[in-house]
């Protein structure tokens, strides 16, 4: 059991680490029962379901990424790691130049990337470019064309997940490449309500004045 704990420090893959931890929990539980070591038994009886749950979470995340397209990912695996938030029509999620400290997953509604004139719809991740850029700054501004509901995950946590799960890393690279290819393509102009256009113009005027 102790050797399994020691070996877990050498694993770089999170799934392997969790499997070693679960095996260690089982061995320590058997040892504690035979040796009547009740504190050890209680400890590992608590750690076993925790490690098992974390392994299931990681498996769900991997399955989510493998079953997704390059631009859309189901919320099954990622949503438990996110905090839900809402914004009204005309609201701004972030502005160009802001610190890129979160990644967003759009659950419902439509968001316009103001500079690139690209539309973000249900099931898409938002904010990847800024989070993974050297400057950690937003490269575009995001405005809500409708009332929206989205999940928010801290940038540091998201980068940790990418390092822990190669499949998620592959997805992020694919999504960023796909976005750059989309930016190079010509698209139909997006119709914006006059009221939203005026809100945006006033916001831009205020930022220039500041």
Protein backbone atom coordinates (compact mmCIF):
# COMPACT_ATOMS: atom_id res chain seq x y z
CA UNK A 1 0.00 0.00 0.00
CA UNK A 2 2.82 2.39 0.88
CA UNK A 3 4.61 1.58 -2.40
CA UNK A 4 1.46 2.52 -4.33
CA UNK A 5 1.38 5.88 -2.55
CA UNK A 6 5.05 6.42 -3.39
CA UNK A 7 4.56 5.44 -7.05
CA UNK A 8 1.71 7.95 -7.42
CA UNK A 9 4.23 10.79 -7.08
CA UNK A 10 5.94 9.65 -10.28
CA UNK A 11 2.83 9.70 -12.46
CA UNK A 12 2.36 12.66 -14.78
CA UNK A 13 -1.02 11.50 -16.05
CA UNK A 14 -3.88 12.38 -13.70
CA UNK A 15 -5.88 9.24 -14.53
CA UNK A 16 -2.95 6.97 -13.63
CA UNK A 17 -2.43 8.89 -10.40
CA UNK A 18 -6.08 8.43 -9.40
CA UNK A 19 -5.96 4.70 -10.20
CA UNK A 20 -2.86 4.29 -8.04
CA UNK A 21 -4.53 6.25 -5.24
CA UNK A 22 -7.65 4.04 -5.43
CA UNK A 23 -5.54 0.86 -5.33
CA UNK A 24 -3.65 2.29 -2.36
CA UNK A 25 -6.93 3.05 -0.56
CA UNK A 26 -8.07 -0.55 -1.04
CA UNK A 27 -4.78 -1.96 0.27
CA UNK A 28 -4.80 0.31 3.32
CA UNK A 29 -8.42 -0.61 4.08
CA UNK A 30 -7.49 -4.32 4.04
CA UNK A 31 -4.45 -3.63 6.22
CA UNK A 32 -6.45 -1.54 8.68
CA UNK A 33 -9.10 -4.26 9.06
CA UNK A 34 -6.47 -6.96 9.72
CA UNK A 35 -4.46 -4.75 12.11
CA UNK A 36 -7.48 -3.17 13.82
CA UNK A 37 -6.10 0.25 12.86
CA UNK A 38 -9.39 2.10 12.94
CA UNK A 39 -8.13 5.67 12.25
CA UNK A 40 -6.42 4.42 9.07
CA UNK A 41 -9.58 2.54 8.11
CA UNK A 42 -11.75 5.65 8.52
CA UNK A 43 -9.30 7.81 6.58
CA UNK A 44 -9.08 5.55 3.55
CA UNK A 45 -12.80 4.77 3.59
CA UNK A 46 -13.27 8.52 3.11
CA UNK A 47 -10.50 8.90 0.50
CA UNK A 48 -11.64 5.94 -1.63
CA UNK A 49 -14.97 7.44 -2.86
CA UNK A 50 -13.30 10.85 -3.31
CA UNK A 51 -10.60 9.43 -5.59
CA UNK A 52 -13.19 7.35 -7.42
CA UNK A 53 -15.37 10.42 -8.00
CA UNK A 54 -12.41 12.45 -9.32
CA UNK A 55 -11.56 9.62 -11.71
CA UNK A 56 -15.16 9.56 -12.99
CA UNK A 57 -15.03 13.35 -13.49
CA UNK A 58 -11.82 13.01 -15.50
CA UNK A 59 -13.34 10.20 -17.58
CA UNK A 60 -16.44 12.32 -18.32
CA UNK A 61 -14.24 15.21 -19.40
CA UNK A 62 -12.22 12.97 -21.71
CA UNK A 63 -15.38 11.46 -23.22
CA UNK A 64 -16.83 14.95 -23.71
CA UNK A 65 -13.78 16.07 -25.66
CA UNK A 66 -13.53 12.89 -27.74
CA UNK A 67 -17.19 13.06 -28.72
CA UNK A 68 -17.18 16.73 -29.63
CA UNK A 69 -16.52 18.59 -32.84
CA UNK A 70 -13.73 21.15 -33.13
CA UNK A 71 -15.96 24.09 -32.30
CA UNK A 72 -18.58 22.63 -29.99
CA UNK A 73 -18.29 20.60 -26.81
CA UNK A 74 -21.20 19.22 -24.72
CA UNK A 75 -21.45 20.59 -21.19
CA UNK A 76 -21.67 17.16 -19.53
CA UNK A 77 -18.01 17.01 -18.53
CA UNK A 78 -17.13 20.69 -18.25
CA UNK A 79 -20.23 22.15 -16.60
CA UNK A 80 -19.60 20.60 -13.14
CA UNK A 81 -16.30 22.52 -13.08
CA UNK A 82 -17.89 25.83 -14.01
CA UNK A 83 -19.95 28.48 -12.25
CA UNK A 84 -23.17 29.44 -14.00
CA UNK A 85 -23.80 33.08 -14.84
CA UNK A 86 -26.29 35.15 -16.87
CA UNK A 87 -26.15 38.43 -18.75
CA UNK A 88 -28.87 40.57 -20.30
CA UNK A 89 -29.17 41.60 -23.93
CA UNK A 90 -26.66 44.35 -24.65
CA UNK A 91 -24.37 43.29 -21.80
CA UNK A 92 -20.64 42.95 -22.33
CA UNK A 93 -18.88 39.73 -21.30
CA UNK A 94 -15.42 41.22 -21.79
CA UNK A 95 -13.77 44.00 -23.78
CA UNK A 96 -10.68 44.04 -25.95
CA UNK A 97 -7.60 44.56 -23.81
CA UNK A 98 -9.15 43.18 -20.61
CA UNK A 99 -7.20 40.64 -18.59
CA UNK A 100 -8.04 37.13 -19.85
CA UNK A 101 -8.75 35.46 -16.50
CA UNK A 102 -11.69 33.20 -17.44
CA UNK A 103 -12.92 30.81 -20.14
CA UNK A 104 -16.64 30.86 -21.00
CA UNK A 105 -18.97 28.12 -22.23
CA UNK A 106 -22.15 29.47 -23.83
CA UNK A 107 -25.20 27.51 -22.69
CA UNK A 108 -27.96 29.63 -24.19
CA UNK A 109 -28.15 32.75 -26.34
CA UNK A 110 -25.98 34.58 -28.86
CA UNK A 111 -22.78 36.60 -28.37
CA UNK A 112 -21.12 38.84 -30.96
CA UNK A 113 -17.35 39.27 -31.18
CA UNK A 114 -17.31 42.95 -32.06
CA UNK A 115 -14.03 43.36 -33.98
CA UNK A 116 -14.17 40.12 -35.97
CA UNK A 117 -17.97 40.31 -36.43
CA UNK A 118 -18.29 36.62 -35.56
CA UNK A 119 -21.27 35.04 -33.84
CA UNK A 120 -20.90 32.67 -30.88
CA UNK A 121 -23.85 30.34 -30.30
CA UNK A 122 -24.94 27.59 -27.90
CA UNK A 123 -22.31 24.99 -27.08
CA UNK A 124 -19.23 27.02 -27.95
CA UNK A 125 -16.23 27.96 -25.83
CA UNK A 126 -15.31 31.63 -25.65
CA UNK A 127 -12.11 33.36 -24.58
CA UNK A 128 -9.51 30.71 -25.42
CA UNK A 129 -7.19 32.97 -27.46
CA UNK A 130 -6.67 35.49 -24.67
CA UNK A 131 -6.20 32.83 -22.00
CA UNK A 132 -3.43 31.07 -23.95
CA UNK A 133 -1.74 34.18 -25.38
CA UNK A 134 1.53 35.45 -23.89
CA UNK A 135 -0.03 38.79 -22.97
CA UNK A 136 -3.08 37.18 -21.26
CA UNK A 137 -5.23 39.94 -22.80
CA UNK A 138 -8.54 39.80 -24.68
CA UNK A 139 -8.09 40.13 -28.43
CA UNK A 140 -11.75 41.04 -29.09
CA UNK A 141 -14.85 42.38 -27.34
CA UNK A 142 -17.89 40.18 -26.66
CA UNK A 143 -21.42 41.64 -26.55
CA UNK A 144 -24.66 39.78 -25.81
CA UNK A 145 -27.07 39.93 -28.75
CA UNK A 146 -29.71 38.19 -26.61
CA UNK A 147 -30.14 37.27 -22.96
CA UNK A 148 -27.45 34.66 -22.39
CA UNK A 149 -26.58 31.95 -19.89
CA UNK A 150 -23.03 30.70 -19.71
CA UNK A 151 -20.56 28.76 -17.60
CA UNK A 152 -17.39 30.39 -16.27
CA UNK A 153 -14.16 28.63 -15.36
CA UNK A 154 -10.99 30.40 -14.08
CA UNK A 155 -8.20 30.54 -16.63
CA UNK A 156 -5.69 28.92 -14.28
CA UNK A 157 -8.02 25.99 -13.61
CA UNK A 158 -8.69 25.55 -17.32
CA UNK A 159 -4.97 25.54 -18.15
CA UNK A 160 -4.44 22.94 -15.43
CA UNK A 161 -7.12 20.75 -17.01
CA UNK A 162 -5.42 21.09 -20.40
CA UNK A 163 -2.12 19.94 -18.87
CA UNK A 164 -3.79 17.03 -17.09
CA UNK A 165 -5.76 15.72 -20.05
CA UNK A 166 -4.07 15.51 -23.48
CA UNK A 167 -7.44 15.04 -25.20
CA UNK A 168 -8.65 18.39 -23.88
CA UNK A 169 -5.38 19.95 -25.04
CA UNK A 170 -5.97 18.58 -28.53
CA UNK A 171 -9.48 20.01 -28.49
CA UNK A 172 -8.25 23.48 -27.44
CA UNK A 173 -5.62 23.54 -30.19
CA UNK A 174 -8.23 22.45 -32.76
CA UNK A 175 -10.74 25.05 -31.57
CA UNK A 176 -8.19 27.88 -31.77
CA UNK A 177 -7.01 26.83 -35.23
CA UNK A 178 -10.63 26.57 -36.39
CA UNK A 179 -11.34 30.09 -35.11
CA UNK A 180 -8.34 31.52 -36.97
CA UNK A 181 -9.47 29.80 -40.17
CA UNK A 182 -12.96 31.19 -39.68
CA UNK A 183 -11.59 34.70 -39.23
CA UNK A 184 -9.86 34.39 -42.61
CA UNK A 185 -13.12 33.51 -44.34
CA UNK A 186 -15.64 36.04 -45.57
CA UNK A 187 -19.01 35.86 -43.85
CA UNK A 188 -22.37 37.53 -44.17
CA UNK A 189 -22.76 40.71 -42.10
CA UNK A 190 -24.56 40.17 -38.79
CA UNK A 191 -27.70 42.21 -38.26
CA UNK A 192 -27.70 44.10 -34.94
CA UNK A 193 -30.66 45.90 -33.41
CA UNK A 194 -30.37 49.70 -33.56
CA UNK A 195 -30.69 49.91 -29.78
CA UNK A 196 -27.77 47.52 -29.29
CA UNK A 197 -25.71 49.38 -31.86
CA UNK A 198 -26.28 52.65 -29.99
CA UNK A 199 -25.31 51.03 -26.68
CA UNK A 200 -22.11 49.76 -28.22
CA UNK A 201 -21.31 53.14 -29.80
CA UNK A 202 -21.79 54.92 -26.48
CA UNK A 203 -19.56 52.36 -24.74
CA UNK A 204 -16.83 52.78 -27.36
CA UNK A 205 -17.09 56.59 -27.16
CA UNK A 206 -16.72 56.44 -23.40
CA UNK A 207 -13.68 54.15 -23.60
CA UNK A 208 -11.99 56.45 -26.13
CA UNK A 209 -12.71 59.49 -23.97
CA UNK A 210 -11.18 57.72 -20.95
